[in-house]
Amino acid sequence: MPLIALTGGIASGKSTVASRLASHGAVVVDADAVVRDVQSPGSPVLGEIEKEFGHRMLRPDGSLDRAALGAVVFGDPDRLARLNAIVHPAVRDESQRRFREAASADPRAVVVYDVPLLAETRASDPWDLVVVAHAPVEVRVARLRDHRGMSEADARARIAVQASDEERLRLADVVIDTDGPLSQTEAQTDELWARLTAEA
C-alpha cells in the first residue's frame, strides 16, 4: 500500500490535486476532516481545549467555536504550541488508524494523506512519496482575495504563518505546478497517478 503525503500552502491547489487523485481511485484521508473529528463534541481533545483556553471556546451546542479559538492562537506562538500539543497527537493516532483501515480493506490501495501542515508537523513520518502542490505566493494571494474574499493583508498574514515554499519544496519527491490552467494541474496529477499505479 503506497502511502502518499500531499501538501501545499493555503490556496496552492492541493484540494484540486486530492480530488483528482480520488477520482482515479485513491483513498484520500483529509487531515482537516480528521482534526474536526477529533475535536467533536464530547471528545477528550475538545475537553482539553476547553480546559486550556476556557469555556468561551465552545458554542452553545457544545461544538468548538473555531473562529474564537483561531482568534486566541493566531499570532501567539505560545498559545498555538499549547493547542498543537493537545491536537496533533490525536490527529496522528486517528490518521494512522485510517491508513490501517484502508490497507485492511484493500492492500493495494493508494492512500493519500491530504495534509496542509506536513512541513510543520509530519515531515519525518515514513511516507512513500511526498507530493507538493505549488503556486507562487502572489498567485495564492490573488486566489485568496478573488475567491475567498480576503483582504490582501489577511491573505499575506495567513500565508506567512505557514511553512515557507522553500521548506515545503525541500520535502518534495514530486512537485505539481498549479500556476496555470486547471487542465495542466489535472494532467500532472494524472501522470502522478500513472506512476503510483505502475509501482503499486
N, C-alpha and C. Protein backbone atom coordinates (compact mmCIF):
# COMPACT_ATOMS: atom_id res chain seq x y z
N MET A 1 0.84 -1.20 0.00
CA MET A 1 0.00 0.00 0.00
C MET A 1 0.87 1.24 0.00
N PRO A 2 0.96 1.97 -1.14
CA PRO A 2 1.69 3.23 -1.12
C PRO A 2 0.99 4.25 -0.22
N LEU A 3 1.78 4.92 0.61
CA LEU A 3 1.25 5.96 1.49
C LEU A 3 1.86 7.28 1.06
N ILE A 4 1.02 8.14 0.52
CA ILE A 4 1.46 9.38 -0.11
C ILE A 4 1.05 10.57 0.76
N ALA A 5 2.00 11.46 1.03
CA ALA A 5 1.66 12.72 1.69
C ALA A 5 1.50 13.78 0.62
N LEU A 6 0.36 14.44 0.62
CA LEU A 6 0.08 15.54 -0.32
C LEU A 6 -0.05 16.82 0.49
N THR A 7 0.80 17.79 0.19
CA THR A 7 0.77 19.02 0.95
C THR A 7 0.86 20.22 0.02
N GLY A 8 0.68 21.39 0.60
CA GLY A 8 0.75 22.65 -0.15
C GLY A 8 0.23 23.76 0.74
N GLY A 9 0.70 24.96 0.51
CA GLY A 9 0.22 26.09 1.30
C GLY A 9 -1.21 26.44 0.97
N ILE A 10 -1.77 27.32 1.76
CA ILE A 10 -3.14 27.77 1.54
C ILE A 10 -3.28 28.32 0.12
N ALA A 11 -4.36 27.91 -0.55
CA ALA A 11 -4.67 28.34 -1.92
C ALA A 11 -3.65 27.86 -2.94
N SER A 12 -3.00 26.74 -2.64
CA SER A 12 -1.99 26.19 -3.55
C SER A 12 -2.59 25.28 -4.62
N GLY A 13 -3.84 24.89 -4.47
CA GLY A 13 -4.44 23.93 -5.39
C GLY A 13 -4.36 22.50 -4.90
N LYS A 14 -3.97 22.32 -3.65
CA LYS A 14 -3.82 20.97 -3.08
C LYS A 14 -5.13 20.20 -3.13
N SER A 15 -6.23 20.84 -2.81
CA SER A 15 -7.52 20.15 -2.81
C SER A 15 -7.92 19.69 -4.21
N THR A 16 -7.54 20.47 -5.21
CA THR A 16 -7.81 20.08 -6.60
C THR A 16 -7.06 18.80 -6.94
N VAL A 17 -5.79 18.73 -6.51
CA VAL A 17 -4.99 17.53 -6.76
C VAL A 17 -5.59 16.34 -6.02
N ALA A 18 -5.97 16.55 -4.76
CA ALA A 18 -6.55 15.46 -3.96
C ALA A 18 -7.83 14.94 -4.62
N SER A 19 -8.67 15.84 -5.09
CA SER A 19 -9.92 15.42 -5.72
C SER A 19 -9.66 14.63 -6.99
N ARG A 20 -8.66 15.05 -7.75
CA ARG A 20 -8.34 14.34 -8.98
C ARG A 20 -7.83 12.94 -8.68
N LEU A 21 -6.98 12.82 -7.66
CA LEU A 21 -6.48 11.50 -7.27
C LEU A 21 -7.62 10.61 -6.78
N ALA A 22 -8.54 11.21 -6.03
CA ALA A 22 -9.69 10.43 -5.55
C ALA A 22 -10.54 9.94 -6.72
N SER A 23 -10.66 10.78 -7.75
CA SER A 23 -11.47 10.37 -8.91
C SER A 23 -10.84 9.18 -9.63
N HIS A 24 -9.54 9.01 -9.49
CA HIS A 24 -8.86 7.86 -10.09
C HIS A 24 -8.95 6.62 -9.22
N GLY A 25 -9.34 6.78 -7.95
CA GLY A 25 -9.47 5.63 -7.07
C GLY A 25 -8.61 5.67 -5.82
N ALA A 26 -7.86 6.74 -5.62
CA ALA A 26 -7.07 6.85 -4.40
C ALA A 26 -7.99 6.97 -3.19
N VAL A 27 -7.54 6.43 -2.06
CA VAL A 27 -8.22 6.64 -0.79
C VAL A 27 -7.60 7.90 -0.17
N VAL A 28 -8.37 8.97 -0.12
CA VAL A 28 -7.86 10.24 0.41
C VAL A 28 -8.29 10.39 1.86
N VAL A 29 -7.31 10.55 2.73
CA VAL A 29 -7.57 10.86 4.14
C VAL A 29 -7.28 12.34 4.32
N ASP A 30 -8.30 13.09 4.66
CA ASP A 30 -8.21 14.55 4.76
C ASP A 30 -7.84 14.94 6.18
N ALA A 31 -6.66 15.51 6.35
CA ALA A 31 -6.20 15.88 7.69
C ALA A 31 -7.14 16.88 8.36
N ASP A 32 -7.69 17.81 7.59
CA ASP A 32 -8.62 18.79 8.17
C ASP A 32 -9.87 18.09 8.71
N ALA A 33 -10.35 17.08 7.99
CA ALA A 33 -11.51 16.32 8.46
C ALA A 33 -11.16 15.54 9.72
N VAL A 34 -9.95 14.99 9.78
CA VAL A 34 -9.51 14.28 10.99
C VAL A 34 -9.49 15.24 12.17
N VAL A 35 -8.97 16.44 11.96
CA VAL A 35 -8.93 17.44 13.03
C VAL A 35 -10.34 17.72 13.53
N ARG A 36 -11.28 17.93 12.61
CA ARG A 36 -12.66 18.21 13.03
C ARG A 36 -13.24 17.04 13.82
N ASP A 37 -12.94 15.82 13.38
CA ASP A 37 -13.49 14.65 14.05
C ASP A 37 -12.94 14.49 15.47
N VAL A 38 -11.63 14.70 15.64
CA VAL A 38 -11.06 14.51 16.99
C VAL A 38 -11.44 15.64 17.93
N GLN A 39 -11.98 16.74 17.37
CA GLN A 39 -12.45 17.86 18.19
C GLN A 39 -13.97 17.90 18.31
N SER A 40 -14.62 16.80 18.02
CA SER A 40 -16.08 16.77 18.04
C SER A 40 -16.60 16.90 19.47
N PRO A 41 -17.86 17.32 19.64
CA PRO A 41 -18.41 17.48 20.98
C PRO A 41 -18.29 16.20 21.80
N GLY A 42 -17.85 16.35 23.02
CA GLY A 42 -17.69 15.22 23.92
C GLY A 42 -16.35 14.51 23.82
N SER A 43 -15.52 14.90 22.85
CA SER A 43 -14.23 14.23 22.68
C SER A 43 -13.23 14.68 23.74
N PRO A 44 -12.28 13.82 24.07
CA PRO A 44 -11.22 14.21 25.01
C PRO A 44 -10.46 15.45 24.54
N VAL A 45 -10.22 15.56 23.23
CA VAL A 45 -9.48 16.70 22.71
C VAL A 45 -10.24 18.00 22.97
N LEU A 46 -11.54 17.99 22.71
CA LEU A 46 -12.32 19.20 22.95
C LEU A 46 -12.35 19.55 24.43
N GLY A 47 -12.40 18.53 25.27
CA GLY A 47 -12.35 18.78 26.71
C GLY A 47 -11.05 19.44 27.13
N GLU A 48 -9.95 18.98 26.53
CA GLU A 48 -8.65 19.59 26.85
C GLU A 48 -8.56 21.03 26.34
N ILE A 49 -9.14 21.28 25.16
CA ILE A 49 -9.15 22.65 24.62
C ILE A 49 -9.94 23.57 25.54
N GLU A 50 -11.09 23.09 26.00
CA GLU A 50 -11.90 23.90 26.92
C GLU A 50 -11.14 24.17 28.22
N LYS A 51 -10.48 23.15 28.72
CA LYS A 51 -9.72 23.30 29.97
C LYS A 51 -8.58 24.31 29.81
N GLU A 52 -7.91 24.26 28.66
CA GLU A 52 -6.75 25.12 28.43
C GLU A 52 -7.13 26.55 28.07
N PHE A 53 -8.19 26.72 27.26
CA PHE A 53 -8.49 28.03 26.69
C PHE A 53 -9.80 28.64 27.19
N GLY A 54 -10.59 27.86 27.92
CA GLY A 54 -11.80 28.43 28.50
C GLY A 54 -13.08 27.99 27.82
N HIS A 55 -14.17 28.10 28.57
CA HIS A 55 -15.47 27.65 28.08
C HIS A 55 -15.95 28.48 26.89
N ARG A 56 -15.43 29.69 26.74
CA ARG A 56 -15.87 30.54 25.62
C ARG A 56 -15.44 29.98 24.26
N MET A 57 -14.59 28.95 24.26
CA MET A 57 -14.20 28.31 23.00
C MET A 57 -15.30 27.40 22.47
N LEU A 58 -16.36 27.18 23.26
CA LEU A 58 -17.44 26.29 22.83
C LEU A 58 -18.67 27.09 22.42
N ARG A 59 -19.34 26.61 21.42
CA ARG A 59 -20.63 27.18 21.01
C ARG A 59 -21.72 26.67 21.97
N PRO A 60 -22.90 27.28 21.93
CA PRO A 60 -23.98 26.82 22.82
C PRO A 60 -24.33 25.34 22.66
N ASP A 61 -24.11 24.79 21.47
CA ASP A 61 -24.44 23.38 21.25
C ASP A 61 -23.32 22.44 21.68
N GLY A 62 -22.25 23.00 22.24
CA GLY A 62 -21.14 22.18 22.72
C GLY A 62 -20.05 21.93 21.70
N SER A 63 -20.21 22.42 20.48
CA SER A 63 -19.18 22.24 19.46
C SER A 63 -18.11 23.33 19.60
N LEU A 64 -16.99 23.10 18.96
CA LEU A 64 -15.88 24.04 19.02
C LEU A 64 -16.19 25.28 18.20
N ASP A 65 -15.96 26.44 18.78
CA ASP A 65 -16.06 27.70 18.05
C ASP A 65 -14.69 27.96 17.43
N ARG A 66 -14.52 27.52 16.19
CA ARG A 66 -13.20 27.58 15.56
C ARG A 66 -12.72 29.01 15.37
N ALA A 67 -13.65 29.92 15.09
CA ALA A 67 -13.26 31.31 14.91
C ALA A 67 -12.72 31.89 16.22
N ALA A 68 -13.39 31.58 17.32
CA ALA A 68 -12.94 32.08 18.62
C ALA A 68 -11.57 31.51 18.98
N LEU A 69 -11.39 30.22 18.73
CA LEU A 69 -10.11 29.60 19.04
C LEU A 69 -9.01 30.17 18.14
N GLY A 70 -9.33 30.34 16.88
CA GLY A 70 -8.36 30.91 15.95
C GLY A 70 -7.93 32.31 16.36
N ALA A 71 -8.89 33.10 16.83
CA ALA A 71 -8.55 34.46 17.26
C ALA A 71 -7.62 34.45 18.47
N VAL A 72 -7.75 33.44 19.30
CA VAL A 72 -6.92 33.36 20.51
C VAL A 72 -5.49 32.94 20.17
N VAL A 73 -5.33 32.00 19.23
CA VAL A 73 -3.99 31.44 18.98
C VAL A 73 -3.27 32.10 17.81
N PHE A 74 -3.99 32.76 16.92
CA PHE A 74 -3.36 33.33 15.73
C PHE A 74 -2.37 34.41 16.15
N GLY A 75 -1.13 34.27 15.72
CA GLY A 75 -0.12 35.26 16.05
C GLY A 75 0.47 35.13 17.44
N ASP A 76 0.07 34.09 18.20
CA ASP A 76 0.60 33.88 19.55
C ASP A 76 1.29 32.51 19.57
N PRO A 77 2.60 32.47 19.35
CA PRO A 77 3.28 31.17 19.24
C PRO A 77 3.13 30.27 20.46
N ASP A 78 3.10 30.87 21.66
CA ASP A 78 2.98 30.04 22.87
C ASP A 78 1.63 29.36 22.94
N ARG A 79 0.58 30.13 22.70
CA ARG A 79 -0.76 29.54 22.74
C ARG A 79 -0.96 28.52 21.61
N LEU A 80 -0.42 28.84 20.44
CA LEU A 80 -0.52 27.89 19.33
C LEU A 80 0.20 26.60 19.66
N ALA A 81 1.35 26.69 20.30
CA ALA A 81 2.10 25.49 20.68
C ALA A 81 1.30 24.66 21.68
N ARG A 82 0.61 25.33 22.61
CA ARG A 82 -0.20 24.59 23.59
C ARG A 82 -1.37 23.88 22.89
N LEU A 83 -1.98 24.56 21.93
CA LEU A 83 -3.07 23.94 21.18
C LEU A 83 -2.55 22.74 20.38
N ASN A 84 -1.42 22.92 19.71
CA ASN A 84 -0.87 21.83 18.91
C ASN A 84 -0.52 20.61 19.76
N ALA A 85 -0.06 20.86 20.99
CA ALA A 85 0.28 19.75 21.88
C ALA A 85 -0.94 18.93 22.26
N ILE A 86 -2.11 19.56 22.23
CA ILE A 86 -3.36 18.86 22.50
C ILE A 86 -3.85 18.11 21.26
N VAL A 87 -3.82 18.80 20.12
CA VAL A 87 -4.49 18.30 18.93
C VAL A 87 -3.63 17.32 18.13
N HIS A 88 -2.36 17.64 17.93
CA HIS A 88 -1.56 16.87 16.99
C HIS A 88 -1.40 15.39 17.34
N PRO A 89 -1.18 15.01 18.61
CA PRO A 89 -1.08 13.57 18.89
C PRO A 89 -2.35 12.81 18.54
N ALA A 90 -3.50 13.42 18.81
CA ALA A 90 -4.76 12.76 18.49
C ALA A 90 -4.96 12.64 16.99
N VAL A 91 -4.56 13.67 16.26
CA VAL A 91 -4.68 13.63 14.79
C VAL A 91 -3.75 12.56 14.22
N ARG A 92 -2.55 12.47 14.76
CA ARG A 92 -1.61 11.45 14.30
C ARG A 92 -2.19 10.04 14.52
N ASP A 93 -2.72 9.81 15.71
CA ASP A 93 -3.27 8.48 16.02
C ASP A 93 -4.45 8.14 15.12
N GLU A 94 -5.36 9.11 14.93
CA GLU A 94 -6.54 8.84 14.13
C GLU A 94 -6.20 8.68 12.65
N SER A 95 -5.28 9.49 12.15
CA SER A 95 -4.91 9.35 10.75
C SER A 95 -4.26 7.99 10.50
N GLN A 96 -3.40 7.57 11.41
CA GLN A 96 -2.77 6.27 11.24
C GLN A 96 -3.80 5.14 11.32
N ARG A 97 -4.81 5.31 12.16
CA ARG A 97 -5.89 4.31 12.22
C ARG A 97 -6.59 4.23 10.87
N ARG A 98 -6.83 5.37 10.23
CA ARG A 98 -7.49 5.38 8.93
C ARG A 98 -6.60 4.79 7.84
N PHE A 99 -5.29 5.01 7.94
CA PHE A 99 -4.38 4.37 6.98
C PHE A 99 -4.47 2.85 7.09
N ARG A 100 -4.45 2.37 8.34
CA ARG A 100 -4.52 0.92 8.55
C ARG A 100 -5.85 0.37 8.05
N GLU A 101 -6.92 1.08 8.27
CA GLU A 101 -8.24 0.65 7.82
C GLU A 101 -8.28 0.54 6.30
N ALA A 102 -7.68 1.52 5.61
CA ALA A 102 -7.65 1.48 4.15
C ALA A 102 -6.83 0.30 3.65
N ALA A 103 -5.70 0.04 4.30
CA ALA A 103 -4.85 -1.09 3.91
C ALA A 103 -5.53 -2.42 4.15
N SER A 104 -6.30 -2.49 5.24
CA SER A 104 -7.02 -3.72 5.54
C SER A 104 -8.11 -4.00 4.51
N ALA A 105 -8.78 -2.93 4.06
CA ALA A 105 -9.84 -3.09 3.07
C ALA A 105 -9.29 -3.46 1.70
N ASP A 106 -8.11 -2.90 1.35
CA ASP A 106 -7.50 -3.18 0.06
C ASP A 106 -6.00 -2.99 0.18
N PRO A 107 -5.25 -4.10 0.30
CA PRO A 107 -3.80 -3.98 0.47
C PRO A 107 -3.09 -3.26 -0.67
N ARG A 108 -3.75 -3.16 -1.83
CA ARG A 108 -3.14 -2.47 -2.98
C ARG A 108 -3.60 -1.02 -3.11
N ALA A 109 -4.38 -0.55 -2.16
CA ALA A 109 -4.91 0.82 -2.24
C ALA A 109 -3.78 1.84 -2.23
N VAL A 110 -3.97 2.91 -2.98
CA VAL A 110 -3.08 4.07 -2.90
C VAL A 110 -3.73 5.04 -1.92
N VAL A 111 -3.07 5.25 -0.80
CA VAL A 111 -3.62 6.11 0.25
C VAL A 111 -2.91 7.46 0.19
N VAL A 112 -3.70 8.51 0.10
CA VAL A 112 -3.17 9.87 0.02
C VAL A 112 -3.60 10.64 1.26
N TYR A 113 -2.63 11.12 2.00
CA TYR A 113 -2.91 11.94 3.18
C TYR A 113 -2.83 13.40 2.77
N ASP A 114 -3.98 14.04 2.70
CA ASP A 114 -4.11 15.44 2.30
C ASP A 114 -3.85 16.29 3.55
N VAL A 115 -2.63 16.84 3.67
CA VAL A 115 -2.20 17.43 4.94
C VAL A 115 -1.54 18.79 4.70
N PRO A 116 -2.21 19.87 5.06
CA PRO A 116 -1.63 21.19 4.81
C PRO A 116 -0.37 21.48 5.62
N LEU A 117 -0.28 20.94 6.82
CA LEU A 117 0.84 21.28 7.71
C LEU A 117 1.89 20.18 7.78
N LEU A 118 2.16 19.54 6.66
CA LEU A 118 3.16 18.47 6.66
C LEU A 118 4.52 18.98 7.14
N ALA A 119 4.98 20.08 6.58
CA ALA A 119 6.32 20.58 6.92
C ALA A 119 6.40 20.98 8.39
N GLU A 120 5.26 21.42 8.94
CA GLU A 120 5.24 21.87 10.32
C GLU A 120 5.12 20.71 11.32
N THR A 121 4.46 19.61 10.92
CA THR A 121 4.10 18.61 11.93
C THR A 121 4.44 17.16 11.59
N ARG A 122 4.50 16.78 10.32
CA ARG A 122 4.60 15.35 9.99
C ARG A 122 5.71 15.06 8.98
N ALA A 123 6.68 15.95 8.86
CA ALA A 123 7.70 15.79 7.82
C ALA A 123 8.51 14.52 7.99
N SER A 124 8.70 14.08 9.22
CA SER A 124 9.57 12.92 9.46
C SER A 124 8.83 11.59 9.43
N ASP A 125 7.52 11.60 9.18
CA ASP A 125 6.79 10.34 9.10
C ASP A 125 7.28 9.54 7.88
N PRO A 126 7.10 8.22 7.91
CA PRO A 126 7.66 7.37 6.84
C PRO A 126 6.77 7.32 5.59
N TRP A 127 6.70 8.41 4.86
CA TRP A 127 5.90 8.46 3.64
C TRP A 127 6.63 7.74 2.52
N ASP A 128 5.87 7.11 1.64
CA ASP A 128 6.48 6.52 0.45
C ASP A 128 6.80 7.58 -0.59
N LEU A 129 6.02 8.66 -0.58
CA LEU A 129 6.23 9.75 -1.53
C LEU A 129 5.62 11.01 -0.94
N VAL A 130 6.31 12.13 -1.11
CA VAL A 130 5.76 13.43 -0.69
C VAL A 130 5.49 14.25 -1.95
N VAL A 131 4.25 14.67 -2.10
CA VAL A 131 3.83 15.45 -3.26
C VAL A 131 3.47 16.86 -2.77
N VAL A 132 4.02 17.86 -3.43
CA VAL A 132 3.74 19.24 -3.07
C VAL A 132 3.01 19.92 -4.22
N ALA A 133 1.82 20.45 -3.93
CA ALA A 133 1.11 21.32 -4.87
C ALA A 133 1.67 22.72 -4.66
N HIS A 134 2.15 23.33 -5.73
CA HIS A 134 2.88 24.59 -5.58
C HIS A 134 2.39 25.65 -6.55
N ALA A 135 2.17 26.84 -6.00
CA ALA A 135 1.93 28.04 -6.80
C ALA A 135 2.64 29.19 -6.09
N PRO A 136 3.16 30.15 -6.83
CA PRO A 136 3.87 31.26 -6.21
C PRO A 136 2.98 32.04 -5.24
N VAL A 137 3.61 32.70 -4.29
CA VAL A 137 2.88 33.43 -3.26
C VAL A 137 1.91 34.44 -3.88
N GLU A 138 2.35 35.17 -4.88
CA GLU A 138 1.48 36.20 -5.45
C GLU A 138 0.23 35.59 -6.07
N VAL A 139 0.37 34.43 -6.66
CA VAL A 139 -0.80 33.74 -7.22
C VAL A 139 -1.75 33.32 -6.10
N ARG A 140 -1.20 32.83 -5.01
CA ARG A 140 -2.03 32.39 -3.89
C ARG A 140 -2.72 33.56 -3.22
N VAL A 141 -2.02 34.69 -3.10
CA VAL A 141 -2.65 35.90 -2.55
C VAL A 141 -3.84 36.30 -3.43
N ALA A 142 -3.65 36.29 -4.72
CA ALA A 142 -4.74 36.66 -5.64
C ALA A 142 -5.91 35.70 -5.51
N ARG A 143 -5.64 34.40 -5.36
CA ARG A 143 -6.73 33.43 -5.20
C ARG A 143 -7.51 33.69 -3.92
N LEU A 144 -6.79 33.94 -2.83
CA LEU A 144 -7.47 34.21 -1.55
C LEU A 144 -8.29 35.48 -1.63
N ARG A 145 -7.79 36.45 -2.32
CA ARG A 145 -8.51 37.72 -2.46
C ARG A 145 -9.73 37.55 -3.36
N ASP A 146 -9.53 36.90 -4.50
CA ASP A 146 -10.58 36.85 -5.51
C ASP A 146 -11.63 35.78 -5.24
N HIS A 147 -11.22 34.65 -4.64
CA HIS A 147 -12.14 33.52 -4.48
C HIS A 147 -12.63 33.34 -3.04
N ARG A 148 -11.90 33.85 -2.07
CA ARG A 148 -12.32 33.68 -0.68
C ARG A 148 -12.64 35.00 0.00
N GLY A 149 -12.52 36.10 -0.74
CA GLY A 149 -12.93 37.40 -0.22
C GLY A 149 -12.02 37.99 0.85
N MET A 150 -10.78 37.50 0.95
CA MET A 150 -9.86 38.05 1.94
C MET A 150 -9.26 39.36 1.44
N SER A 151 -8.91 40.22 2.38
CA SER A 151 -8.10 41.37 2.01
C SER A 151 -6.69 40.89 1.70
N GLU A 152 -5.94 41.71 0.98
CA GLU A 152 -4.57 41.30 0.67
C GLU A 152 -3.75 41.13 1.94
N ALA A 153 -3.96 42.00 2.92
CA ALA A 153 -3.21 41.90 4.18
C ALA A 153 -3.53 40.61 4.90
N ASP A 154 -4.82 40.25 4.95
CA ASP A 154 -5.20 39.00 5.63
C ASP A 154 -4.63 37.79 4.89
N ALA A 155 -4.67 37.83 3.57
CA ALA A 155 -4.14 36.73 2.78
C ALA A 155 -2.65 36.54 3.05
N ARG A 156 -1.92 37.63 3.05
CA ARG A 156 -0.47 37.53 3.29
C ARG A 156 -0.19 37.07 4.72
N ALA A 157 -1.02 37.48 5.66
CA ALA A 157 -0.82 37.04 7.05
C ALA A 157 -1.06 35.54 7.18
N ARG A 158 -2.08 35.02 6.50
CA ARG A 158 -2.36 33.58 6.55
C ARG A 158 -1.21 32.79 5.94
N ILE A 159 -0.68 33.28 4.83
CA ILE A 159 0.44 32.60 4.18
C ILE A 159 1.69 32.65 5.06
N ALA A 160 1.90 33.78 5.72
CA ALA A 160 3.13 33.98 6.49
C ALA A 160 3.25 33.05 7.69
N VAL A 161 2.11 32.62 8.27
CA VAL A 161 2.19 31.76 9.46
C VAL A 161 2.41 30.29 9.10
N GLN A 162 2.31 29.96 7.81
CA GLN A 162 2.58 28.59 7.39
C GLN A 162 4.07 28.44 7.04
N ALA A 163 4.48 27.21 6.83
CA ALA A 163 5.83 26.95 6.37
C ALA A 163 6.07 27.70 5.06
N SER A 164 7.31 28.04 4.81
CA SER A 164 7.64 28.73 3.57
C SER A 164 7.59 27.75 2.39
N ASP A 165 7.49 28.32 1.18
CA ASP A 165 7.53 27.47 -0.01
C ASP A 165 8.82 26.66 -0.04
N GLU A 166 9.92 27.29 0.34
CA GLU A 166 11.22 26.61 0.32
C GLU A 166 11.21 25.39 1.26
N GLU A 167 10.62 25.55 2.44
CA GLU A 167 10.56 24.43 3.39
C GLU A 167 9.75 23.28 2.82
N ARG A 168 8.61 23.59 2.20
CA ARG A 168 7.79 22.52 1.62
C ARG A 168 8.50 21.86 0.44
N LEU A 169 9.09 22.67 -0.43
CA LEU A 169 9.71 22.12 -1.63
C LEU A 169 10.91 21.24 -1.30
N ARG A 170 11.58 21.51 -0.19
CA ARG A 170 12.70 20.67 0.22
C ARG A 170 12.24 19.24 0.55
N LEU A 171 10.98 19.09 0.93
CA LEU A 171 10.45 17.77 1.28
C LEU A 171 9.95 17.00 0.07
N ALA A 172 9.79 17.68 -1.06
CA ALA A 172 9.04 17.13 -2.18
C ALA A 172 9.80 16.06 -2.94
N ASP A 173 9.13 14.95 -3.19
CA ASP A 173 9.57 13.98 -4.19
C ASP A 173 8.98 14.33 -5.56
N VAL A 174 7.78 14.89 -5.53
CA VAL A 174 7.08 15.32 -6.74
C VAL A 174 6.48 16.69 -6.48
N VAL A 175 6.64 17.60 -7.44
CA VAL A 175 6.01 18.92 -7.36
C VAL A 175 4.99 19.03 -8.49
N ILE A 176 3.76 19.37 -8.13
CA ILE A 176 2.72 19.64 -9.12
C ILE A 176 2.53 21.15 -9.18
N ASP A 177 2.86 21.73 -10.30
CA ASP A 177 2.79 23.17 -10.50
C ASP A 177 1.34 23.54 -10.83
N THR A 178 0.72 24.29 -9.92
CA THR A 178 -0.69 24.64 -10.11
C THR A 178 -0.88 26.07 -10.61
N ASP A 179 0.21 26.69 -11.04
CA ASP A 179 0.17 28.07 -11.53
C ASP A 179 -0.12 28.08 -13.03
N GLY A 180 -1.28 27.58 -13.37
CA GLY A 180 -1.63 27.50 -14.78
C GLY A 180 -3.06 27.04 -14.91
N PRO A 181 -3.51 26.72 -16.11
CA PRO A 181 -4.87 26.25 -16.31
C PRO A 181 -5.13 24.97 -15.52
N LEU A 182 -6.37 24.77 -15.17
CA LEU A 182 -6.77 23.56 -14.45
C LEU A 182 -6.36 22.31 -15.22
N SER A 183 -6.45 22.36 -16.52
CA SER A 183 -6.11 21.18 -17.32
C SER A 183 -4.66 20.78 -17.13
N GLN A 184 -3.77 21.74 -16.91
CA GLN A 184 -2.36 21.42 -16.69
C GLN A 184 -2.16 20.75 -15.33
N THR A 185 -2.86 21.26 -14.32
CA THR A 185 -2.78 20.63 -12.99
C THR A 185 -3.31 19.20 -13.06
N GLU A 186 -4.42 19.02 -13.76
CA GLU A 186 -5.00 17.68 -13.87
C GLU A 186 -4.08 16.74 -14.65
N ALA A 187 -3.43 17.24 -15.68
CA ALA A 187 -2.53 16.39 -16.47
C ALA A 187 -1.34 15.94 -15.63
N GLN A 188 -0.79 16.84 -14.83
CA GLN A 188 0.33 16.46 -13.96
C GLN A 188 -0.12 15.44 -12.91
N THR A 189 -1.35 15.61 -12.40
CA THR A 189 -1.88 14.68 -11.41
C THR A 189 -2.13 13.31 -12.05
N ASP A 190 -2.61 13.31 -13.27
CA ASP A 190 -2.82 12.05 -13.99
C ASP A 190 -1.49 11.31 -14.19
N GLU A 191 -0.44 12.06 -14.49
CA GLU A 191 0.88 11.44 -14.65
C GLU A 191 1.35 10.83 -13.33
N LEU A 192 1.09 11.54 -12.24
CA LEU A 192 1.44 11.01 -10.92
C LEU A 192 0.68 9.72 -10.65
N TRP A 193 -0.61 9.71 -10.95
CA TRP A 193 -1.42 8.51 -10.70
C TRP A 193 -0.89 7.33 -11.52
N ALA A 194 -0.53 7.59 -12.76
CA ALA A 194 0.01 6.51 -13.60
C ALA A 194 1.29 5.96 -12.97
N ARG A 195 2.11 6.83 -12.44
CA ARG A 195 3.35 6.39 -11.77
C ARG A 195 3.03 5.56 -10.54
N LEU A 196 2.09 6.03 -9.72
CA LEU A 196 1.75 5.33 -8.49
C LEU A 196 1.17 3.95 -8.76
N THR A 197 0.33 3.85 -9.75
CA THR A 197 -0.32 2.56 -10.02
C THR A 197 0.62 1.61 -10.75
N ALA A 198 1.57 2.15 -11.46
CA ALA A 198 2.56 1.30 -12.10
C ALA A 198 3.47 0.66 -11.06
N GLU A 199 3.72 1.44 -9.98
CA GLU A 199 4.62 0.95 -8.93
C GLU A 199 3.90 0.09 -7.91
N ALA A 200 2.57 0.21 -7.85
CA ALA A 200 1.81 -0.49 -6.78
C ALA A 200 1.85 -1.99 -6.99
